[in-house]
Amino acid sequence: MTDPFDHLRRLATFLGWCALAVILVSTLSPIELRPHLPDVGADVERFMAYLAAGGALAFAYPRQRWFVLGGIVLLALGLEWAQTWEATRHGRPHDAVVKILGTLTGGGLAVSLDYLARRLRSLA
């Protein structure tokens, strides 16, 4: 029996990897080149970026979910440290915490969506 969310998982794979690419470019580029959303604070941007990456990839790879989420958390910590290499950037523990919270929230949403999928399958 195929997963009713197969197409959605393929889309999540693409979107999750795209989100990680945007995170990498945004984090390691000089501050004036960093994309930003108008009228939204930097913490909201960070949270949403990691929510998107964590949620999409945790949903896309359900069997490796905890490995994926752990990897994104480690990536967030590593990128915060790597920001110290760029003169116009700074790595701060507060920023890392916001990113980790976004990742874990996205993972929670992915778990919820998988739970919903199991419930729908059991009703059919």
PDB file of N, CA and C in Angstrom:
ATOM      1  N   MET A   1       0.845  -1.181   0.000  1.00  0.00           N
ATOM      2  CA  MET A   1       0.000   0.000   0.000  1.00  0.00           C
ATOM      3  C   MET A   1       0.891   1.246   0.000  1.00  0.00           C
ATOM      4  N   THR A   2       0.571   2.166  -0.857  1.00  0.00           N
ATOM      5  CA  THR A   2       1.376   3.374  -0.948  1.00  0.00           C
ATOM      6  C   THR A   2       0.903   4.407   0.069  1.00  0.00           C
ATOM      7  N   ASP A   3       1.812   5.229   0.444  1.00  0.00           N
ATOM      8  CA  ASP A   3       1.520   6.313   1.379  1.00  0.00           C
ATOM      9  C   ASP A   3       0.718   7.379   0.639  1.00  0.00           C
ATOM     10  N   PRO A   4      -0.431   7.810   1.188  1.00  0.00           N
ATOM     11  CA  PRO A   4      -1.209   8.836   0.491  1.00  0.00           C
ATOM     12  C   PRO A   4      -0.479  10.180   0.416  1.00  0.00           C
ATOM     13  N   PHE A   5       0.580  10.295   1.185  1.00  0.00           N
ATOM     14  CA  PHE A   5       1.329  11.544   1.193  1.00  0.00           C
ATOM     15  C   PHE A   5       2.625  11.462   0.387  1.00  0.00           C
ATOM     16  N   ASP A   6       2.762  10.461  -0.506  1.00  0.00           N
ATOM     17  CA  ASP A   6       3.993  10.309  -1.290  1.00  0.00           C
ATOM     18  C   ASP A   6       4.331  11.563  -2.092  1.00  0.00           C
ATOM     19  N   HIS A   7       3.356  12.119  -2.781  1.00  0.00           N
ATOM     20  CA  HIS A   7       3.617  13.325  -3.583  1.00  0.00           C
ATOM     21  C   HIS A   7       3.964  14.495  -2.680  1.00  0.00           C
ATOM     22  N   LEU A   8       3.290  14.595  -1.558  1.00  0.00           N
ATOM     23  CA  LEU A   8       3.572  15.665  -0.612  1.00  0.00           C
ATOM     24  C   LEU A   8       4.968  15.519  -0.015  1.00  0.00           C
ATOM     25  N   ARG A   9       5.397  14.280   0.223  1.00  0.00           N
ATOM     26  CA  ARG A   9       6.752  14.051   0.751  1.00  0.00           C
ATOM     27  C   ARG A   9       7.814  14.441  -0.279  1.00  0.00           C
ATOM     28  N   ARG A  10       7.553  14.158  -1.548  1.00  0.00           N
ATOM     29  CA  ARG A  10       8.512  14.572  -2.590  1.00  0.00           C
ATOM     30  C   ARG A  10       8.617  16.098  -2.657  1.00  0.00           C
ATOM     31  N   LEU A  11       7.487  16.765  -2.574  1.00  0.00           N
ATOM     32  CA  LEU A  11       7.498  18.228  -2.556  1.00  0.00           C
ATOM     33  C   LEU A  11       8.219  18.747  -1.313  1.00  0.00           C
ATOM     34  N   ALA A  12       7.975  18.113  -0.180  1.00  0.00           N
ATOM     35  CA  ALA A  12       8.638  18.514   1.066  1.00  0.00           C
ATOM     36  C   ALA A  12      10.151  18.329   0.971  1.00  0.00           C
ATOM     37  N   THR A  13      10.577  17.283   0.291  1.00  0.00           N
ATOM     38  CA  THR A  13      12.018  17.062   0.099  1.00  0.00           C
ATOM     39  C   THR A  13      12.630  18.237  -0.656  1.00  0.00           C
ATOM     40  N   PHE A  14      12.009  18.609  -1.760  1.00  0.00           N
ATOM     41  CA  PHE A  14      12.509  19.728  -2.563  1.00  0.00           C
ATOM     42  C   PHE A  14      12.500  21.027  -1.762  1.00  0.00           C
ATOM     43  N   LEU A  15      11.379  21.324  -1.119  1.00  0.00           N
ATOM     44  CA  LEU A  15      11.264  22.579  -0.370  1.00  0.00           C
ATOM     45  C   LEU A  15      12.204  22.618   0.836  1.00  0.00           C
ATOM     46  N   GLY A  16      12.374  21.487   1.495  1.00  0.00           N
ATOM     47  CA  GLY A  16      13.273  21.441   2.646  1.00  0.00           C
ATOM     48  C   GLY A  16      14.717  21.709   2.269  1.00  0.00           C
ATOM     49  N   TRP A  17      15.159  21.094   1.169  1.00  0.00           N
ATOM     50  CA  TRP A  17      16.539  21.333   0.724  1.00  0.00           C
ATOM     51  C   TRP A  17      16.709  22.768   0.221  1.00  0.00           C
ATOM     52  N   CYS A  18      15.677  23.303  -0.420  1.00  0.00           N
ATOM     53  CA  CYS A  18      15.735  24.718  -0.836  1.00  0.00           C
ATOM     54  C   CYS A  18      15.830  25.626   0.383  1.00  0.00           C
ATOM     55  N   ALA A  19      15.065  25.331   1.419  1.00  0.00           N
ATOM     56  CA  ALA A  19      15.119  26.127   2.647  1.00  0.00           C
ATOM     57  C   ALA A  19      16.512  26.074   3.257  1.00  0.00           C
ATOM     58  N   LEU A  20      17.131  24.895   3.256  1.00  0.00           N
ATOM     59  CA  LEU A  20      18.498  24.803   3.788  1.00  0.00           C
ATOM     60  C   LEU A  20      19.485  25.605   2.948  1.00  0.00           C
ATOM     61  N   ALA A  21      19.312  25.602   1.643  1.00  0.00           N
ATOM     62  CA  ALA A  21      20.196  26.394   0.779  1.00  0.00           C
ATOM     63  C   ALA A  21      20.044  27.884   1.082  1.00  0.00           C
ATOM     64  N   VAL A  22      18.819  28.345   1.243  1.00  0.00           N
ATOM     65  CA  VAL A  22      18.584  29.753   1.581  1.00  0.00           C
ATOM     66  C   VAL A  22      19.201  30.072   2.938  1.00  0.00           C
ATOM     67  N   ILE A  23      19.061  29.162   3.892  1.00  0.00           N
ATOM     68  CA  ILE A  23      19.652  29.366   5.223  1.00  0.00           C
ATOM     69  C   ILE A  23      21.165  29.503   5.116  1.00  0.00           C
ATOM     70  N   LEU A  24      21.795  28.620   4.352  1.00  0.00           N
ATOM     71  CA  LEU A  24      23.258  28.676   4.211  1.00  0.00           C
ATOM     72  C   LEU A  24      23.708  29.998   3.600  1.00  0.00           C
ATOM     73  N   VAL A  25      23.089  30.392   2.510  1.00  0.00           N
ATOM     74  CA  VAL A  25      23.477  31.639   1.841  1.00  0.00           C
ATOM     75  C   VAL A  25      23.210  32.836   2.757  1.00  0.00           C
ATOM     76  N   SER A  26      22.057  32.846   3.391  1.00  0.00           N
ATOM     77  CA  SER A  26      21.687  33.973   4.251  1.00  0.00           C
ATOM     78  C   SER A  26      22.601  34.088   5.458  1.00  0.00           C
ATOM     79  N   THR A  27      22.992  32.962   6.003  1.00  0.00           N
ATOM     80  CA  THR A  27      23.797  32.976   7.223  1.00  0.00           C
ATOM     81  C   THR A  27      25.241  33.350   6.952  1.00  0.00           C
ATOM     82  N   LEU A  28      25.779  32.925   5.835  1.00  0.00           N
ATOM     83  CA  LEU A  28      27.205  33.123   5.588  1.00  0.00           C
ATOM     84  C   LEU A  28      27.522  34.329   4.714  1.00  0.00           C
ATOM     85  N   SER A  29      26.524  34.983   4.176  1.00  0.00           N
ATOM     86  CA  SER A  29      26.779  36.164   3.346  1.00  0.00           C
ATOM     87  C   SER A  29      26.950  37.397   4.236  1.00  0.00           C
ATOM     88  N   PRO A  30      27.586  38.434   3.703  1.00  0.00           N
ATOM     89  CA  PRO A  30      27.672  39.683   4.469  1.00  0.00           C
ATOM     90  C   PRO A  30      26.267  40.206   4.794  1.00  0.00           C
ATOM     91  N   ILE A  31      26.159  40.919   5.891  1.00  0.00           N
ATOM     92  CA  ILE A  31      24.855  41.345   6.396  1.00  0.00           C
ATOM     93  C   ILE A  31      24.068  42.161   5.373  1.00  0.00           C
ATOM     94  N   GLU A  32      24.748  42.970   4.577  1.00  0.00           N
ATOM     95  CA  GLU A  32      24.025  43.799   3.601  1.00  0.00           C
ATOM     96  C   GLU A  32      23.464  42.979   2.436  1.00  0.00           C
ATOM     97  N   LEU A  33      23.954  41.771   2.247  1.00  0.00           N
ATOM     98  CA  LEU A  33      23.451  40.901   1.186  1.00  0.00           C
ATOM     99  C   LEU A  33      22.410  39.903   1.690  1.00  0.00           C
ATOM    100  N   ARG A  34      22.199  39.868   2.996  1.00  0.00           N
ATOM    101  CA  ARG A  34      21.250  38.908   3.570  1.00  0.00           C
ATOM    102  C   ARG A  34      19.832  39.282   3.187  1.00  0.00           C
ATOM    103  N   PRO A  35      19.082  38.324   2.621  1.00  0.00           N
ATOM    104  CA  PRO A  35      17.678  38.634   2.310  1.00  0.00           C
ATOM    105  C   PRO A  35      16.893  38.797   3.608  1.00  0.00           C
ATOM    106  N   HIS A  36      15.893  39.631   3.569  1.00  0.00           N
ATOM    107  CA  HIS A  36      15.058  39.796   4.761  1.00  0.00           C
ATOM    108  C   HIS A  36      13.630  40.125   4.350  1.00  0.00           C
ATOM    109  N   LEU A  37      12.719  39.839   5.244  1.00  0.00           N
ATOM    110  CA  LEU A  37      11.312  40.155   5.029  1.00  0.00           C
ATOM    111  C   LEU A  37      11.026  41.516   5.650  1.00  0.00           C
ATOM    112  N   PRO A  38      10.401  42.421   4.897  1.00  0.00           N
ATOM    113  CA  PRO A  38      10.112  43.734   5.470  1.00  0.00           C
ATOM    114  C   PRO A  38       9.097  43.601   6.604  1.00  0.00           C
ATOM    115  N   ASP A  39       9.248  44.425   7.605  1.00  0.00           N
ATOM    116  CA  ASP A  39       8.331  44.511   8.746  1.00  0.00           C
ATOM    117  C   ASP A  39       8.313  43.253   9.604  1.00  0.00           C
ATOM    118  N   VAL A  40       9.320  42.409   9.486  1.00  0.00           N
ATOM    119  CA  VAL A  40       9.425  41.215  10.322  1.00  0.00           C
ATOM    120  C   VAL A  40      10.809  41.241  10.966  1.00  0.00           C
ATOM    121  N   GLY A  41      10.863  40.979  12.240  1.00  0.00           N
ATOM    122  CA  GLY A  41      12.137  40.982  12.945  1.00  0.00           C
ATOM    123  C   GLY A  41      13.024  39.816  12.553  1.00  0.00           C
ATOM    124  N   ALA A  42      14.298  39.963  12.836  1.00  0.00           N
ATOM    125  CA  ALA A  42      15.281  38.928  12.482  1.00  0.00           C
ATOM    126  C   ALA A  42      14.981  37.606  13.198  1.00  0.00           C
ATOM    127  N   ASP A  43      14.496  37.666  14.442  1.00  0.00           N
ATOM    128  CA  ASP A  43      14.179  36.429  15.160  1.00  0.00           C
ATOM    129  C   ASP A  43      13.039  35.671  14.480  1.00  0.00           C
ATOM    130  N   VAL A  44      12.042  36.400  13.989  1.00  0.00           N
ATOM    131  CA  VAL A  44      10.927  35.746  13.286  1.00  0.00           C
ATOM    132  C   VAL A  44      11.432  35.123  11.995  1.00  0.00           C
ATOM    133  N   GLU A  45      12.299  35.825  11.275  1.00  0.00           N
ATOM    134  CA  GLU A  45      12.876  35.276  10.047  1.00  0.00           C
ATOM    135  C   GLU A  45      13.650  33.991  10.326  1.00  0.00           C
ATOM    136  N   ARG A  46      14.489  34.037  11.358  1.00  0.00           N
ATOM    137  CA  ARG A  46      15.277  32.850  11.717  1.00  0.00           C
ATOM    138  C   ARG A  46      14.358  31.684  12.071  1.00  0.00           C
ATOM    139  N   PHE A  47      13.389  31.955  12.930  1.00  0.00           N
ATOM    140  CA  PHE A  47      12.468  30.910  13.374  1.00  0.00           C
ATOM    141  C   PHE A  47      11.738  30.295  12.185  1.00  0.00           C
ATOM    142  N   MET A  48      11.219  31.136  11.291  1.00  0.00           N
ATOM    143  CA  MET A  48      10.445  30.647  10.152  1.00  0.00           C
ATOM    144  C   MET A  48      11.311  29.852   9.175  1.00  0.00           C
ATOM    145  N   ALA A  49      12.543  30.288   8.961  1.00  0.00           N
ATOM    146  CA  ALA A  49      13.434  29.570   8.046  1.00  0.00           C
ATOM    147  C   ALA A  49      13.723  28.165   8.569  1.00  0.00           C
ATOM    148  N   TYR A  50      14.025  28.072   9.850  1.00  0.00           N
ATOM    149  CA  TYR A  50      14.331  26.764  10.423  1.00  0.00           C
ATOM    150  C   TYR A  50      13.071  25.928  10.626  1.00  0.00           C
ATOM    151  N   LEU A  51      11.935  26.556  10.860  1.00  0.00           N
ATOM    152  CA  LEU A  51      10.655  25.849  10.908  1.00  0.00           C
ATOM    153  C   LEU A  51      10.393  25.187   9.557  1.00  0.00           C
ATOM    154  N   ALA A  52      10.604  25.942   8.476  1.00  0.00           N
ATOM    155  CA  ALA A  52      10.379  25.408   7.129  1.00  0.00           C
ATOM    156  C   ALA A  52      11.337  24.250   6.833  1.00  0.00           C
ATOM    157  N   ALA A  53      12.614  24.434   7.109  1.00  0.00           N
ATOM    158  CA  ALA A  53      13.592  23.380   6.825  1.00  0.00           C
ATOM    159  C   ALA A  53      13.345  22.153   7.698  1.00  0.00           C
ATOM    160  N   GLY A  54      13.186  22.369   8.995  1.00  0.00           N
ATOM    161  CA  GLY A  54      12.978  21.250   9.909  1.00  0.00           C
ATOM    162  C   GLY A  54      11.680  20.523   9.637  1.00  0.00           C
ATOM    163  N   GLY A  55      10.610  21.262   9.429  1.00  0.00           N
ATOM    164  CA  GLY A  55       9.314  20.641   9.176  1.00  0.00           C
ATOM    165  C   GLY A  55       9.286  19.883   7.867  1.00  0.00           C
ATOM    166  N   ALA A  56       9.776  20.511   6.817  1.00  0.00           N
ATOM    167  CA  ALA A  56       9.741  19.877   5.499  1.00  0.00           C
ATOM    168  C   ALA A  56      10.615  18.623   5.458  1.00  0.00           C
ATOM    169  N   LEU A  57      11.835  18.719   5.962  1.00  0.00           N
ATOM    170  CA  LEU A  57      12.733  17.565   5.887  1.00  0.00           C
ATOM    171  C   LEU A  57      12.343  16.463   6.869  1.00  0.00           C
ATOM    172  N   ALA A  58      11.805  16.825   8.017  1.00  0.00           N
ATOM    173  CA  ALA A  58      11.331  15.797   8.956  1.00  0.00           C
ATOM    174  C   ALA A  58      10.121  15.064   8.380  1.00  0.00           C
ATOM    175  N   PHE A  59       9.289  15.762   7.629  1.00  0.00           N
ATOM    176  CA  PHE A  59       8.157  15.120   6.972  1.00  0.00           C
ATOM    177  C   PHE A  59       8.626  14.300   5.772  1.00  0.00           C
ATOM    178  N   ALA A  60       9.602  14.817   5.045  1.00  0.00           N
ATOM    179  CA  ALA A  60      10.092  14.136   3.844  1.00  0.00           C
ATOM    180  C   ALA A  60      10.812  12.834   4.179  1.00  0.00           C
ATOM    181  N   TYR A  61      11.474  12.789   5.313  1.00  0.00           N
ATOM    182  CA  TYR A  61      12.258  11.612   5.708  1.00  0.00           C
ATOM    183  C   TYR A  61      11.761  11.075   7.051  1.00  0.00           C
ATOM    184  N   PRO A  62      10.582  10.474   7.083  1.00  0.00           N
ATOM    185  CA  PRO A  62      10.009  10.062   8.375  1.00  0.00           C
ATOM    186  C   PRO A  62      10.828   9.003   9.113  1.00  0.00           C
ATOM    187  N   ARG A  63      11.501   8.126   8.401  1.00  0.00           N
ATOM    188  CA  ARG A  63      12.289   7.083   9.070  1.00  0.00           C
ATOM    189  C   ARG A  63      13.585   7.624   9.662  1.00  0.00           C
ATOM    190  N   GLN A  64      14.048   8.744   9.123  1.00  0.00           N
ATOM    191  CA  GLN A  64      15.285   9.367   9.618  1.00  0.00           C
ATOM    192  C   GLN A  64      14.994  10.687  10.328  1.00  0.00           C
ATOM    193  N   ARG A  65      13.762  10.870  10.772  1.00  0.00           N
ATOM    194  CA  ARG A  65      13.312  12.163  11.313  1.00  0.00           C
ATOM    195  C   ARG A  65      14.243  12.707  12.397  1.00  0.00           C
ATOM    196  N   TRP A  66      14.582  11.893  13.380  1.00  0.00           N
ATOM    197  CA  TRP A  66      15.375  12.403  14.501  1.00  0.00           C
ATOM    198  C   TRP A  66      16.804  12.679  14.072  1.00  0.00           C
ATOM    199  N   PHE A  67      17.304  11.896  13.138  1.00  0.00           N
ATOM    200  CA  PHE A  67      18.637  12.163  12.575  1.00  0.00           C
ATOM    201  C   PHE A  67      18.632  13.491  11.818  1.00  0.00           C
ATOM    202  N   VAL A  68      17.592  13.715  11.017  1.00  0.00           N
ATOM    203  CA  VAL A  68      17.455  14.960  10.239  1.00  0.00           C
ATOM    204  C   VAL A  68      17.364  16.160  11.179  1.00  0.00           C
ATOM    205  N   LEU A  69      16.502  16.074  12.171  1.00  0.00           N
ATOM    206  CA  LEU A  69      16.346  17.205  13.098  1.00  0.00           C
ATOM    207  C   LEU A  69      17.628  17.465  13.879  1.00  0.00           C
ATOM    208  N   GLY A  70      18.288  16.396  14.316  1.00  0.00           N
ATOM    209  CA  GLY A  70      19.573  16.566  15.005  1.00  0.00           C
ATOM    210  C   GLY A  70      20.614  17.209  14.107  1.00  0.00           C
ATOM    211  N   GLY A  71      20.617  16.817  12.835  1.00  0.00           N
ATOM    212  CA  GLY A  71      21.556  17.415  11.887  1.00  0.00           C
ATOM    213  C   GLY A  71      21.295  18.889  11.664  1.00  0.00           C
ATOM    214  N   ILE A  72      20.024  19.269  11.602  1.00  0.00           N
ATOM    215  CA  ILE A  72      19.703  20.684  11.408  1.00  0.00           C
ATOM    216  C   ILE A  72      20.079  21.488  12.652  1.00  0.00           C
ATOM    217  N   VAL A  73      19.868  20.918  13.828  1.00  0.00           N
ATOM    218  CA  VAL A  73      20.292  21.598  15.061  1.00  0.00           C
ATOM    219  C   VAL A  73      21.803  21.793  15.056  1.00  0.00           C
ATOM    220  N   LEU A  74      22.546  20.752  14.700  1.00  0.00           N
ATOM    221  CA  LEU A  74      24.005  20.880  14.626  1.00  0.00           C
ATOM    222  C   LEU A  74      24.417  21.894  13.565  1.00  0.00           C
ATOM    223  N   LEU A  75      23.704  21.913  12.443  1.00  0.00           N
ATOM    224  CA  LEU A  75      23.978  22.900  11.405  1.00  0.00           C
ATOM    225  C   LEU A  75      23.761  24.314  11.934  1.00  0.00           C
ATOM    226  N   ALA A  76      22.677  24.524  12.670  1.00  0.00           N
ATOM    227  CA  ALA A  76      22.401  25.850  13.235  1.00  0.00           C
ATOM    228  C   ALA A  76      23.527  26.284  14.160  1.00  0.00           C
ATOM    229  N   LEU A  77      23.976  25.383  15.008  1.00  0.00           N
ATOM    230  CA  LEU A  77      25.080  25.716  15.924  1.00  0.00           C
ATOM    231  C   LEU A  77      26.360  26.004  15.152  1.00  0.00           C
ATOM    232  N   GLY A  78      26.642  25.169  14.147  1.00  0.00           N
ATOM    233  CA  GLY A  78      27.847  25.377  13.345  1.00  0.00           C
ATOM    234  C   GLY A  78      27.808  26.673  12.553  1.00  0.00           C
ATOM    235  N   LEU A  79      26.654  27.006  12.008  1.00  0.00           N
ATOM    236  CA  LEU A  79      26.539  28.248  11.240  1.00  0.00           C
ATOM    237  C   LEU A  79      26.655  29.479  12.132  1.00  0.00           C
ATOM    238  N   GLU A  80      26.137  29.390  13.339  1.00  0.00           N
ATOM    239  CA  GLU A  80      26.313  30.514  14.270  1.00  0.00           C
ATOM    240  C   GLU A  80      27.795  30.740  14.545  1.00  0.00           C
ATOM    241  N   TRP A  81      28.512  29.651  14.734  1.00  0.00           N
ATOM    242  CA  TRP A  81      29.949  29.764  14.956  1.00  0.00           C
ATOM    243  C   TRP A  81      30.648  30.291  13.697  1.00  0.00           C
ATOM    244  N   ALA A  82      30.224  29.812  12.523  1.00  0.00           N
ATOM    245  CA  ALA A  82      30.856  30.230  11.266  1.00  0.00           C
ATOM    246  C   ALA A  82      30.629  31.711  10.985  1.00  0.00           C
ATOM    247  N   GLN A  83      29.583  32.281  11.536  1.00  0.00           N
ATOM    248  CA  GLN A  83      29.340  33.711  11.324  1.00  0.00           C
ATOM    249  C   GLN A  83      30.455  34.563  11.905  1.00  0.00           C
ATOM    250  N   THR A  84      31.188  34.040  12.850  1.00  0.00           N
ATOM    251  CA  THR A  84      32.289  34.807  13.430  1.00  0.00           C
ATOM    252  C   THR A  84      33.423  35.011  12.431  1.00  0.00           C
ATOM    253  N   TRP A  85      33.411  34.266  11.322  1.00  0.00           N
ATOM    254  CA  TRP A  85      34.428  34.435  10.279  1.00  0.00           C
ATOM    255  C   TRP A  85      34.151  35.655   9.411  1.00  0.00           C
ATOM    256  N   GLU A  86      32.908  36.092   9.345  1.00  0.00           N
ATOM    257  CA  GLU A  86      32.512  37.229   8.509  1.00  0.00           C
ATOM    258  C   GLU A  86      32.520  38.484   9.389  1.00  0.00           C
ATOM    259  N   ALA A  87      33.250  39.498   8.941  1.00  0.00           N
ATOM    260  CA  ALA A  87      33.437  40.700   9.758  1.00  0.00           C
ATOM    261  C   ALA A  87      32.130  41.428  10.067  1.00  0.00           C
ATOM    262  N   THR A  88      31.151  41.359   9.176  1.00  0.00           N
ATOM    263  CA  THR A  88      29.903  42.101   9.398  1.00  0.00           C
ATOM    264  C   THR A  88      28.859  41.271  10.146  1.00  0.00           C
ATOM    265  N   ARG A  89      29.180  40.045  10.512  1.00  0.00           N
ATOM    266  CA  ARG A  89      28.208  39.163  11.166  1.00  0.00           C
ATOM    267  C   ARG A  89      28.675  38.822  12.578  1.00  0.00           C
ATOM    268  N   HIS A  90      27.807  38.231  13.337  1.00  0.00           N
ATOM    269  CA  HIS A  90      28.139  37.795  14.692  1.00  0.00           C
ATOM    270  C   HIS A  90      27.297  36.572  15.034  1.00  0.00           C
ATOM    271  N   GLY A  91      27.905  35.629  15.694  1.00  0.00           N
ATOM    272  CA  GLY A  91      27.182  34.455  16.145  1.00  0.00           C
ATOM    273  C   GLY A  91      26.807  34.647  17.611  1.00  0.00           C
ATOM    274  N   ARG A  92      25.521  34.449  17.923  1.00  0.00           N
ATOM    275  CA  ARG A  92      25.070  34.652  19.307  1.00  0.00           C
ATOM    276  C   ARG A  92      24.274  33.437  19.768  1.00  0.00           C
ATOM    277  N   PRO A  93      24.409  33.090  21.047  1.00  0.00           N
ATOM    278  CA  PRO A  93      23.624  31.967  21.584  1.00  0.00           C
ATOM    279  C   PRO A  93      22.111  32.181  21.422  1.00  0.00           C
ATOM    280  N   HIS A  94      21.647  33.417  21.585  1.00  0.00           N
ATOM    281  CA  HIS A  94      20.217  33.710  21.426  1.00  0.00           C
ATOM    282  C   HIS A  94      19.730  33.310  20.037  1.00  0.00           C
ATOM    283  N   ASP A  95      20.496  33.651  19.021  1.00  0.00           N
ATOM    284  CA  ASP A  95      20.114  33.313  17.649  1.00  0.00           C
ATOM    285  C   ASP A  95      20.057  31.798  17.460  1.00  0.00           C
ATOM    286  N   ALA A  96      21.022  31.089  18.039  1.00  0.00           N
ATOM    287  CA  ALA A  96      21.039  29.628  17.932  1.00  0.00           C
ATOM    288  C   ALA A  96      19.799  29.024  18.593  1.00  0.00           C
ATOM    289  N   VAL A  97      19.398  29.564  19.733  1.00  0.00           N
ATOM    290  CA  VAL A  97      18.210  29.051  20.428  1.00  0.00           C
ATOM    291  C   VAL A  97      16.965  29.260  19.572  1.00  0.00           C
ATOM    292  N   VAL A  98      16.831  30.425  18.951  1.00  0.00           N
ATOM    293  CA  VAL A  98      15.673  30.693  18.088  1.00  0.00           C
ATOM    294  C   VAL A  98      15.642  29.696  16.930  1.00  0.00           C
ATOM    295  N   LYS A  99      16.782  29.431  16.341  1.00  0.00           N
ATOM    296  CA  LYS A  99      16.864  28.494  15.222  1.00  0.00           C
ATOM    297  C   LYS A  99      16.519  27.076  15.659  1.00  0.00           C
ATOM    298  N   ILE A 100      17.004  26.672  16.814  1.00  0.00           N
ATOM    299  CA  ILE A 100      16.715  25.331  17.327  1.00  0.00           C
ATOM    300  C   ILE A 100      15.225  25.198  17.631  1.00  0.00           C
ATOM    301  N   LEU A 101      14.635  26.225  18.222  1.00  0.00           N
ATOM    302  CA  LEU A 101      13.193  26.185  18.502  1.00  0.00           C
ATOM    303  C   LEU A 101      12.386  26.081  17.205  1.00  0.00           C
ATOM    304  N   GLY A 102      12.798  26.795  16.174  1.00  0.00           N
ATOM    305  CA  GLY A 102      12.130  26.703  14.882  1.00  0.00           C
ATOM    306  C   GLY A 102      12.233  25.303  14.302  1.00  0.00           C
ATOM    307  N   THR A 103      13.417  24.713  14.385  1.00  0.00           N
ATOM    308  CA  THR A 103      13.632  23.358  13.882  1.00  0.00           C
ATOM    309  C   THR A 103      12.740  22.356  14.598  1.00  0.00           C
ATOM    310  N   LEU A 104      12.710  22.429  15.922  1.00  0.00           N
ATOM    311  CA  LEU A 104      11.928  21.467  16.702  1.00  0.00           C
ATOM    312  C   LEU A 104      10.430  21.678  16.523  1.00  0.00           C
ATOM    313  N   THR A 105      10.005  22.921  16.353  1.00  0.00           N
ATOM    314  CA  THR A 105       8.591  23.187  16.079  1.00  0.00           C
ATOM    315  C   THR A 105       8.196  22.595  14.726  1.00  0.00           C
ATOM    316  N   GLY A 106       9.046  22.778  13.732  1.00  0.00           N
ATOM    317  CA  GLY A 106       8.797  22.180  12.421  1.00  0.00           C
ATOM    318  C   GLY A 106       8.740  20.664  12.506  1.00  0.00           C
ATOM    319  N   GLY A 107       9.627  20.073  13.300  1.00  0.00           N
ATOM    320  CA  GLY A 107       9.595  18.628  13.498  1.00  0.00           C
ATOM    321  C   GLY A 107       8.297  18.182  14.158  1.00  0.00           C
ATOM    322  N   GLY A 108       7.815  18.962  15.113  1.00  0.00           N
ATOM    323  CA  GLY A 108       6.543  18.659  15.764  1.00  0.00           C
ATOM    324  C   GLY A 108       5.385  18.707  14.785  1.00  0.00           C
ATOM    325  N   LEU A 109       5.417  19.664  13.890  1.00  0.00           N
ATOM    326  CA  LEU A 109       4.376  19.737  12.858  1.00  0.00           C
ATOM    327  C   LEU A 109       4.433  18.534  11.925  1.00  0.00           C
ATOM    328  N   ALA A 110       5.637  18.091  11.597  1.00  0.00           N
ATOM    329  CA  ALA A 110       5.796  16.920  10.734  1.00  0.00           C
ATOM    330  C   ALA A 110       5.245  15.667  11.421  1.00  0.00           C
ATOM    331  N   VAL A 111       5.527  15.520  12.709  1.00  0.00           N
ATOM    332  CA  VAL A 111       5.002  14.377  13.462  1.00  0.00           C
ATOM    333  C   VAL A 111       3.471  14.432  13.470  1.00  0.00           C
ATOM    334  N   SER A 112       2.925  15.612  13.657  1.00  0.00           N
ATOM    335  CA  SER A 112       1.463  15.775  13.670  1.00  0.00           C
ATOM    336  C   SER A 112       0.852  15.404  12.322  1.00  0.00           C
ATOM    337  N   LEU A 113       1.504  15.809  11.250  1.00  0.00           N
ATOM    338  CA  LEU A 113       0.993  15.476   9.920  1.00  0.00           C
ATOM    339  C   LEU A 113       1.058  13.969   9.670  1.00  0.00           C
ATOM    340  N   ASP A 114       2.123  13.329  10.126  1.00  0.00           N
ATOM    341  CA  ASP A 114       2.209  11.875   9.990  1.00  0.00           C
ATOM    342  C   ASP A 114       1.136  11.176  10.829  1.00  0.00           C
ATOM    343  N   TYR A 115       0.865  11.689  12.001  1.00  0.00           N
ATOM    344  CA  TYR A 115      -0.202  11.128  12.835  1.00  0.00           C
ATOM    345  C   TYR A 115      -1.541  11.240  12.111  1.00  0.00           C
ATOM    346  N   LEU A 116      -1.780  12.394  11.511  1.00  0.00           N
ATOM    347  CA  LEU A 116      -3.006  12.591  10.743  1.00  0.00           C
ATOM    348  C   LEU A 116      -3.090  11.596   9.587  1.00  0.00           C
ATOM    349  N   ALA A 117      -1.981  11.361   8.926  1.00  0.00           N
ATOM    350  CA  ALA A 117      -1.962  10.405   7.812  1.00  0.00           C
ATOM    351  C   ALA A 117      -2.303   9.002   8.297  1.00  0.00           C
ATOM    352  N   ARG A 118      -1.754   8.588   9.433  1.00  0.00           N
ATOM    353  CA  ARG A 118      -2.078   7.260   9.980  1.00  0.00           C
ATOM    354  C   ARG A 118      -3.544   7.162  10.336  1.00  0.00           C
ATOM    355  N   ARG A 119      -4.100   8.201  10.914  1.00  0.00           N
ATOM    356  CA  ARG A 119      -5.525   8.203  11.276  1.00  0.00           C
ATOM    357  C   ARG A 119      -6.406   8.095  10.030  1.00  0.00           C
ATOM    358  N   LEU A 120      -6.038   8.832   8.993  1.00  0.00           N
ATOM    359  CA  LEU A 120      -6.833   8.776   7.759  1.00  0.00           C
ATOM    360  C   LEU A 120      -6.762   7.384   7.128  1.00  0.00           C
ATOM    361  N   ARG A 121      -5.573   6.757   7.171  1.00  0.00           N
ATOM    362  CA  ARG A 121      -5.429   5.416   6.623  1.00  0.00           C
ATOM    363  C   ARG A 121      -6.273   4.413   7.395  1.00  0.00           C
ATOM    364  N   SER A 122      -6.349   4.580   8.711  1.00  0.00           N
ATOM    365  CA  SER A 122      -7.110   3.629   9.533  1.00  0.00           C
ATOM    366  C   SER A 122      -8.621   3.777   9.312  1.00  0.00           C
ATOM    367  N   LEU A 123      -9.065   4.945   8.862  1.00  0.00           N
ATOM    368  CA  LEU A 123     -10.478   5.161   8.586  1.00  0.00           C
ATOM    369  C   LEU A 123     -10.890   4.601   7.237  1.00  0.00           C
ATOM    370  N   ALA A 124      -9.929   4.459   6.352  1.00  0.00           N
ATOM    371  CA  ALA A 124     -10.249   3.987   4.988  1.00  0.00           C
ATOM    372  C   ALA A 124     -10.427   2.505   4.907  1.00  0.00           C
TER     373      ALA A 124
END
